[in-house]
């Protein structure tokens, strides 16, 4: 797949290292060797936001930020950060409104919404990262038509929901035969999970014999498989090249959540999809760098970002294998100062994965955020209440 190295960045002179680093063609090779390039790109993007955004400029001044002190990966911790939930109550742009190319929100039918604005560079370079990761895993099949089941929101033309945008974007990697979206519009601005329609789509697509790609929230995927089994429906056999690529997590449904491997085993049993074709993705509208499970089901850090784990009380960086707040750092975003974002997720960082990739990976250990700061996945999961018995 040819990537677009001609994506125009806002100011190629001031952001030359940002452009060079984010356009790296292999998402996982040369990770440690790219540290110097990454640091220079982070310095550039920090100075960009300081010069373009008064809020971020004042934040940097209040923290006595000095870009000359940023010389190593660990020094990137000195770059002023924001919390992901900050964007649920504030709109802070580093570009004129006239340069907004795309506007997405994080939440669904309920809860506070992160308002994230993208210029053309930011969204297109993030999409290119996804292109390259899908290519790395040989998931781009332009000659193989597929059916799609999207465990996400059916949208109106004016929708700005980030998860729905992402799932529809992912349909470009194989020609579409048919798309079934599981969260149907109710006509009054809400959505309802169409479980029985989903099961019928399972049956119909199994009979057609084309590969099936299933994207979206794992809670709904599990609920459909569970109901299928409760109804005594015989296991189906999907095409061997079918692919499950989940995202969004379980959020507010801890009481319904099962272990990931148990979900994968259920998918293997009921749909015949092999384990290596069952993957999860991690990301958010506040931080669009894609983190995709490897064949051993670990979230590897691509060359485009770095991940820190911060102590929940002191925010000091933690060592490998220790649990704390998940902190993403990446120079890709020029539209808003979201280049250093601490998430509401608890995580730990690890290395030496047996899959063969040489980059570190992280494990998610749940949420640490307040209940009122609901994400898109949380809003969606609330639709399951009262429907799982």
Foldseek 3Di string as FASTA:
>chain_A
DDADLPQDDPDCVLQVLQSVQLPDQAFFPCQVVCFQSFLVNQLSLLVLCLVQWVVSVVVCVVLVNDSVQRGGPVCSVSRDAAAPLVQLPDDTWSDPPVQFPAWAWWAADDFGIRIDTAGRQQVSSLVSLVVSVCVVVVNQDAPAEEEEEEAAEDDDPPHRHPQVVVVVSVCPRYHYPYYHYQFYDPPPRHTAGPLVVVVVVLVVQLVVQGAYEYEEALLSVQLSLVVCVVVVPAAGEHHASHAYEYEDYQAPVPVSDDDPVVSLVSCCRRHVHDLQRYKYWYDGSLGSRIFIQHSVHFGFRTSQKDWFFAAAPPGDTDDAPDKHWIWIAGSSGNTGPSRIYTYQWIKGKAADDPRPRGGITMDTDGGNDDPNRDGHSRNSSVSCVPPRD
